[in-house]
């Protein structure tokens, strides 16, 4: 089979590349994206840079039997490739990597662009897809292909090698990776009651209260405004050694996770990914004014400030 795979946002990129890795020995593949990420290196799959307007030429050149895509909210490339595939009668499948914005991932209610199959994480996601107006006949519960990939992935680097590549000296202190969700891109505090900067400030306060020497590494989401995130770093406690992990080091993210003592976030899938890699994770949902759906982790998220402070002291 000749499979064309297209994605944009990182949440869809990793599942798409995981399937490409799985299919590469049996099928002919062409993987395309309008974005470039350092983590492509993790999969060893060639990714061609392309744009929405390249769809016709790419279909003419590759003559695919099927199209598999992500469902980005920052780009139209997947929708435009689905349109081209449908004009040619080619089977289309899209994977939704989260529980949000089902109503906008496939165009508007007045102008839906639907693939033949819509793959979702679990029953909760399937129910939300139905609420978002997507047809039941096209929804398939598949889980996340990237999680299957992580189940067999192991780092080949020592802790010293990982931190040398990151250009961060090891201090012997506890190592915590903080990976916030960019809520400021999706309504921020007005919609959720809090955002990534407020959670960052609260987390730094809890680390200061604990008083233990800590190396805190912050890994921002690729869609995050770093200028805004840095506004939460004005009062870093003296016991916290802070490092920002740049996007160009994303190929080392899984290696880094396996060398940390704790991965902290809000409701990002990185919390479950950490557990799949054998590490502890902690979700902070203090101040949220609405229920948040996230992929289940071994540890329930903390919604109370006092419980957060108590939990951090035990790390």
Protein backbone atom coordinates (compact mmCIF):
# COMPACT_ATOMS: atom_id res chain seq x y z
CA UNK A 1 0.00 0.00 0.00
CA UNK A 2 1.11 3.53 -0.75
CA UNK A 3 0.38 5.63 2.35
CA UNK A 4 0.49 9.43 2.46
CA UNK A 5 0.79 10.89 5.99
CA UNK A 6 0.29 14.60 6.72
CA UNK A 7 0.43 16.57 9.98
CA UNK A 8 1.22 19.98 11.47
CA UNK A 9 0.83 20.33 15.26
CA UNK A 10 3.20 18.29 17.47
CA UNK A 11 0.35 16.42 19.19
CA UNK A 12 -0.58 14.86 15.85
CA UNK A 13 2.96 14.59 14.56
CA UNK A 14 4.10 11.98 17.07
CA UNK A 15 1.19 9.54 16.53
CA UNK A 16 1.57 9.94 12.76
CA UNK A 17 5.29 9.25 12.91
CA UNK A 18 4.71 6.29 15.24
CA UNK A 19 2.47 4.69 12.62
CA UNK A 20 4.96 5.54 9.88
CA UNK A 21 7.60 3.70 11.91
CA UNK A 22 5.26 0.71 12.20
CA UNK A 23 4.36 0.70 8.51
CA UNK A 24 7.72 1.47 6.96
CA UNK A 25 8.77 -2.15 6.37
CA UNK A 26 5.54 -3.23 4.65
CA UNK A 27 4.30 -0.12 2.84
CA UNK A 28 5.53 2.71 0.67
CA UNK A 29 5.36 5.95 2.63
CA UNK A 30 5.48 9.67 2.02
CA UNK A 31 5.33 11.79 5.17
CA UNK A 32 4.69 15.53 4.80
CA UNK A 33 4.40 18.47 7.20
CA UNK A 34 4.36 22.25 7.11
CA UNK A 35 6.41 22.36 10.33
CA UNK A 36 9.83 21.10 11.39
CA UNK A 37 10.48 19.58 14.82
CA UNK A 38 13.71 18.34 16.38
CA UNK A 39 11.91 15.21 17.63
CA UNK A 40 11.63 13.89 14.05
CA UNK A 41 15.06 12.42 14.78
CA UNK A 42 13.53 10.10 17.40
CA UNK A 43 11.59 8.19 14.74
CA UNK A 44 14.14 8.08 11.94
CA UNK A 45 11.42 8.77 9.34
CA UNK A 46 12.10 11.26 6.51
CA UNK A 47 9.62 14.16 6.56
CA UNK A 48 9.12 16.32 3.47
CA UNK A 49 8.36 19.98 4.06
CA UNK A 50 5.20 21.00 2.22
CA UNK A 51 2.32 23.48 2.20
CA UNK A 52 -1.42 23.26 1.66
CA UNK A 53 -1.05 24.43 -1.93
CA UNK A 54 1.28 21.49 -2.65
CA UNK A 55 -1.50 18.93 -2.15
CA UNK A 56 -2.40 18.48 -5.82
CA UNK A 57 1.23 18.08 -6.92
CA UNK A 58 2.03 15.61 -4.13
CA UNK A 59 -0.97 13.41 -4.95
CA UNK A 60 -0.01 13.49 -8.63
CA UNK A 61 3.57 12.52 -7.83
CA UNK A 62 3.06 9.86 -5.15
CA UNK A 63 -0.33 8.42 -6.23
CA UNK A 64 -1.27 7.27 -2.69
CA UNK A 65 -3.84 4.58 -1.86
CA UNK A 66 -4.70 6.21 1.47
CA UNK A 67 -4.24 9.39 3.49
CA UNK A 68 -3.65 9.48 7.26
CA UNK A 69 -3.51 12.87 8.97
CA UNK A 70 -3.39 14.75 12.23
CA UNK A 71 -6.03 17.31 13.20
CA UNK A 72 -4.25 20.59 13.91
CA UNK A 73 -5.92 23.76 15.10
CA UNK A 74 -3.04 26.02 13.98
CA UNK A 75 -2.97 24.92 10.33
CA UNK A 76 -5.31 23.94 7.48
CA UNK A 77 -2.87 21.59 5.78
CA UNK A 78 -4.62 18.38 6.89
CA UNK A 79 -8.03 19.67 5.75
CA UNK A 80 -6.68 20.71 2.36
CA UNK A 81 -5.06 17.30 1.84
CA UNK A 82 -8.31 15.58 2.87
CA UNK A 83 -10.17 17.64 0.25
CA UNK A 84 -7.70 16.58 -2.43
CA UNK A 85 -7.98 12.92 -1.40
CA UNK A 86 -11.79 13.04 -1.47
CA UNK A 87 -11.75 14.52 -4.98
CA UNK A 88 -9.74 11.47 -6.04
CA UNK A 89 -11.82 8.89 -4.15
CA UNK A 90 -8.93 8.01 -1.81
CA UNK A 91 -9.68 6.68 1.67
CA UNK A 92 -8.94 9.19 4.45
CA UNK A 93 -8.30 8.79 8.18
CA UNK A 94 -7.61 11.49 10.77
CA UNK A 95 -6.40 11.08 14.35
CA UNK A 96 -7.54 13.44 17.13
CA UNK A 97 -4.89 13.53 19.85
CA UNK A 98 -6.87 15.39 22.54
CA UNK A 99 -10.32 15.94 24.05
CA UNK A 100 -10.86 19.51 22.91
CA UNK A 101 -12.16 21.52 19.95
CA UNK A 102 -13.81 18.69 18.02
CA UNK A 103 -16.16 21.30 16.57
CA UNK A 104 -13.35 23.21 14.84
CA UNK A 105 -10.84 20.51 13.88
CA UNK A 106 -12.85 19.61 10.76
CA UNK A 107 -13.94 23.03 9.57
CA UNK A 108 -17.17 24.71 10.63
CA UNK A 109 -20.63 23.25 11.18
CA UNK A 110 -21.67 24.87 7.89
CA UNK A 111 -18.66 23.59 5.97
CA UNK A 112 -17.48 20.28 7.42
CA UNK A 113 -14.46 18.56 5.86
CA UNK A 114 -14.74 15.01 7.19
CA UNK A 115 -12.39 12.08 6.58
CA UNK A 116 -13.82 8.59 6.13
CA UNK A 117 -12.58 7.60 9.59
CA UNK A 118 -11.97 9.70 12.70
CA UNK A 119 -9.69 7.97 15.22
CA UNK A 120 -9.96 9.06 18.87
CA UNK A 121 -8.27 8.24 22.17
CA UNK A 122 -11.01 6.50 24.15
CA UNK A 123 -14.72 6.40 24.97
CA UNK A 124 -14.61 9.86 26.57
CA UNK A 125 -13.16 11.32 23.40
CA UNK A 126 -15.71 9.47 21.27
CA UNK A 127 -18.56 10.95 23.34
CA UNK A 128 -17.11 14.45 22.98
CA UNK A 129 -16.73 13.96 19.24
CA UNK A 130 -20.43 13.11 19.03
CA UNK A 131 -21.29 16.18 21.12
CA UNK A 132 -19.19 18.22 18.69
CA UNK A 133 -21.41 17.14 15.83
CA UNK A 134 -19.20 14.45 14.28
CA UNK A 135 -21.02 11.41 12.84
CA UNK A 136 -20.96 8.23 14.93
CA UNK A 137 -20.45 6.09 11.82
CA UNK A 138 -16.98 7.58 11.25
CA UNK A 139 -15.64 7.51 14.81
CA UNK A 140 -13.20 4.75 15.82
CA UNK A 141 -11.60 4.31 19.25
CA UNK A 142 -7.95 3.41 18.61
CA UNK A 143 -5.89 4.80 21.49
CA UNK A 144 -2.77 6.83 20.79
CA UNK A 145 -0.23 5.17 18.45
CA UNK A 146 2.54 7.21 20.08
CA UNK A 147 1.88 5.52 23.41
CA UNK A 148 2.37 2.15 21.77
CA UNK A 149 5.68 3.44 20.40
CA UNK A 150 6.77 4.61 23.86
CA UNK A 151 5.95 1.22 25.37
CA UNK A 152 9.00 -0.29 23.65
CA UNK A 153 11.25 2.79 23.56
CA UNK A 154 14.27 3.04 25.86
CA UNK A 155 17.01 5.64 26.01
CA UNK A 156 20.52 4.66 24.99
CA UNK A 157 22.06 7.62 26.81
CA UNK A 158 23.30 7.90 30.39
CA UNK A 159 22.18 10.78 32.59
CA UNK A 160 25.57 12.41 32.12
CA UNK A 161 25.32 12.14 28.33
CA UNK A 162 21.79 13.58 28.27
CA UNK A 163 22.73 16.62 30.34
CA UNK A 164 25.95 17.13 28.41
CA UNK A 165 23.91 17.28 25.19
CA UNK A 166 21.54 19.72 26.88
CA UNK A 167 24.55 21.77 28.02
CA UNK A 168 23.25 21.69 31.60
CA UNK A 169 25.64 20.75 34.43
CA UNK A 170 24.43 18.12 36.87
CA UNK A 171 24.34 19.36 40.46
CA UNK A 172 23.21 16.25 42.32
CA UNK A 173 19.91 17.94 43.23
CA UNK A 174 16.45 16.55 42.49
CA UNK A 175 15.58 16.95 38.80
CA UNK A 176 12.06 18.08 37.88
CA UNK A 177 10.78 18.64 34.35
CA UNK A 178 7.93 21.15 34.05
CA UNK A 179 5.93 21.00 30.82
CA UNK A 180 2.92 23.35 30.89
CA UNK A 181 0.00 23.51 28.49
CA UNK A 182 -0.25 26.82 26.54
CA UNK A 183 -3.71 27.73 27.87
CA UNK A 184 -3.09 31.38 26.96
CA UNK A 185 -3.56 30.30 23.33
CA UNK A 186 -7.04 28.93 24.02
CA UNK A 187 -8.82 31.47 26.20
CA UNK A 188 -6.42 31.50 29.15
CA UNK A 189 -7.57 32.54 32.61
CA UNK A 190 -10.84 33.97 31.32
CA UNK A 191 -11.91 30.54 30.07
CA UNK A 192 -10.15 28.19 32.48
CA UNK A 193 -9.76 30.29 35.65
CA UNK A 194 -5.98 30.07 35.41
CA UNK A 195 -3.21 29.60 32.83
CA UNK A 196 0.35 28.36 32.42
CA UNK A 197 1.98 31.42 34.00
CA UNK A 198 -0.23 31.27 37.11
CA UNK A 199 0.48 27.54 37.50
CA UNK A 200 4.21 28.14 37.00
CA UNK A 201 4.26 30.82 39.70
CA UNK A 202 2.37 28.54 42.09
CA UNK A 203 4.70 25.64 41.39
CA UNK A 204 7.79 27.80 41.98
CA UNK A 205 6.26 28.96 45.25
CA UNK A 206 5.75 25.34 46.32
CA UNK A 207 9.37 24.49 45.49
CA UNK A 208 10.55 27.48 47.52
CA UNK A 209 8.38 26.41 50.44
CA UNK A 210 9.86 22.90 50.30
CA UNK A 211 13.36 24.41 50.46
CA UNK A 212 15.12 21.43 48.89
CA UNK A 213 17.80 22.09 46.23
CA UNK A 214 16.13 21.42 42.88
CA UNK A 215 17.13 21.53 39.24
CA UNK A 216 14.00 22.69 37.42
CA UNK A 217 13.95 22.22 33.66
CA UNK A 218 11.12 23.90 31.78
CA UNK A 219 10.06 22.39 28.46
CA UNK A 220 7.62 24.72 26.75
CA UNK A 221 5.02 23.50 24.26
CA UNK A 222 6.00 24.26 20.64
CA UNK A 223 2.98 26.59 20.36
CA UNK A 224 3.85 28.45 23.57
CA UNK A 225 4.65 32.17 23.63
CA UNK A 226 8.00 32.16 25.44
CA UNK A 227 7.77 35.89 26.08
CA UNK A 228 4.56 35.33 28.03
CA UNK A 229 5.83 32.21 29.86
CA UNK A 230 8.91 34.09 31.07
CA UNK A 231 6.68 36.56 32.92
CA UNK A 232 6.20 33.76 35.44
CA UNK A 233 9.93 33.56 36.20
CA UNK A 234 10.45 36.85 38.04
CA UNK A 235 10.60 35.30 41.51
CA UNK A 236 12.55 32.05 41.27
CA UNK A 237 13.38 30.69 44.77
CA UNK A 238 17.06 30.57 45.74
CA UNK A 239 16.94 26.78 46.15
CA UNK A 240 15.81 26.33 42.53
CA UNK A 241 18.32 26.14 39.69
CA UNK A 242 16.31 26.98 36.58
CA UNK A 243 16.96 25.94 32.99
CA UNK A 244 14.85 26.44 29.87
CA UNK A 245 15.06 23.51 27.44
CA UNK A 246 15.10 25.01 23.92
CA UNK A 247 12.96 23.62 21.10
CA UNK A 248 16.04 22.54 19.17
CA UNK A 249 16.69 19.96 21.93
CA UNK A 250 13.29 18.27 21.53
CA UNK A 251 14.95 15.14 20.13
CA UNK A 252 16.24 14.55 23.68
CA UNK A 253 12.87 14.91 25.41
CA UNK A 254 12.24 11.20 26.02
CA UNK A 255 15.85 10.71 27.14
CA UNK A 256 15.42 13.62 29.54
CA UNK A 257 12.14 12.27 30.93
CA UNK A 258 13.83 8.99 31.79
CA UNK A 259 16.49 10.86 33.79
CA UNK A 260 14.16 13.05 35.85
CA UNK A 261 12.76 12.45 39.33
CA UNK A 262 9.38 13.93 38.43
CA UNK A 263 7.52 15.31 35.40
CA UNK A 264 5.06 18.09 36.24
CA UNK A 265 2.41 19.62 34.01
CA UNK A 266 -1.28 20.43 33.91
CA UNK A 267 -3.19 17.98 31.72
CA UNK A 268 -0.77 17.53 28.83
CA UNK A 269 -0.26 14.03 27.43
CA UNK A 270 3.38 14.30 28.53
CA UNK A 271 2.24 13.23 32.01
CA UNK A 272 1.02 9.86 30.74
CA UNK A 273 4.02 9.62 28.43
CA UNK A 274 6.31 9.99 31.46
CA UNK A 275 4.55 7.10 33.18
CA UNK A 276 4.86 4.96 30.06
CA UNK A 277 8.60 5.67 30.26
CA UNK A 278 8.64 4.53 33.89
CA UNK A 279 8.72 7.95 35.61
CA UNK A 280 6.46 9.67 38.14
CA UNK A 281 4.22 12.50 36.98
CA UNK A 282 2.13 15.17 38.66
CA UNK A 283 -0.70 17.24 37.18
CA UNK A 284 -1.50 20.64 38.72
CA UNK A 285 -5.06 21.87 38.21
CA UNK A 286 -5.24 24.36 41.07
CA UNK A 287 -7.52 27.26 40.19
CA UNK A 288 -9.32 25.65 37.26
CA UNK A 289 -12.94 26.71 37.09
CA UNK A 290 -14.06 24.02 34.69
CA UNK A 291 -13.68 20.29 34.45
CA UNK A 292 -10.69 19.21 32.38
CA UNK A 293 -10.57 15.93 30.51
CA UNK A 294 -7.17 14.31 30.27
CA UNK A 295 -5.70 10.88 29.68
CA UNK A 296 -5.73 8.95 32.95
CA UNK A 297 -2.46 8.79 34.89
CA UNK A 298 -1.56 6.75 37.96
CA UNK A 299 -1.64 9.87 40.16
CA UNK A 300 -4.75 12.03 40.25
CA UNK A 301 -4.15 15.72 39.47
CA UNK A 302 -3.89 18.13 42.40
CA UNK A 303 -6.59 20.79 42.59
CA UNK A 304 -5.84 22.20 46.04
CA UNK A 305 -2.93 24.57 46.86
CA UNK A 306 -2.27 23.13 50.32
CA UNK A 307 -2.18 19.57 48.95
CA UNK A 308 0.25 20.73 46.26
CA UNK A 309 2.63 22.21 48.81
CA UNK A 310 2.43 19.04 50.93
CA UNK A 311 3.04 16.81 47.91
CA UNK A 312 6.09 18.76 46.72
CA UNK A 313 7.70 18.42 50.16
CA UNK A 314 7.66 14.63 49.77
CA UNK A 315 9.56 14.54 46.48
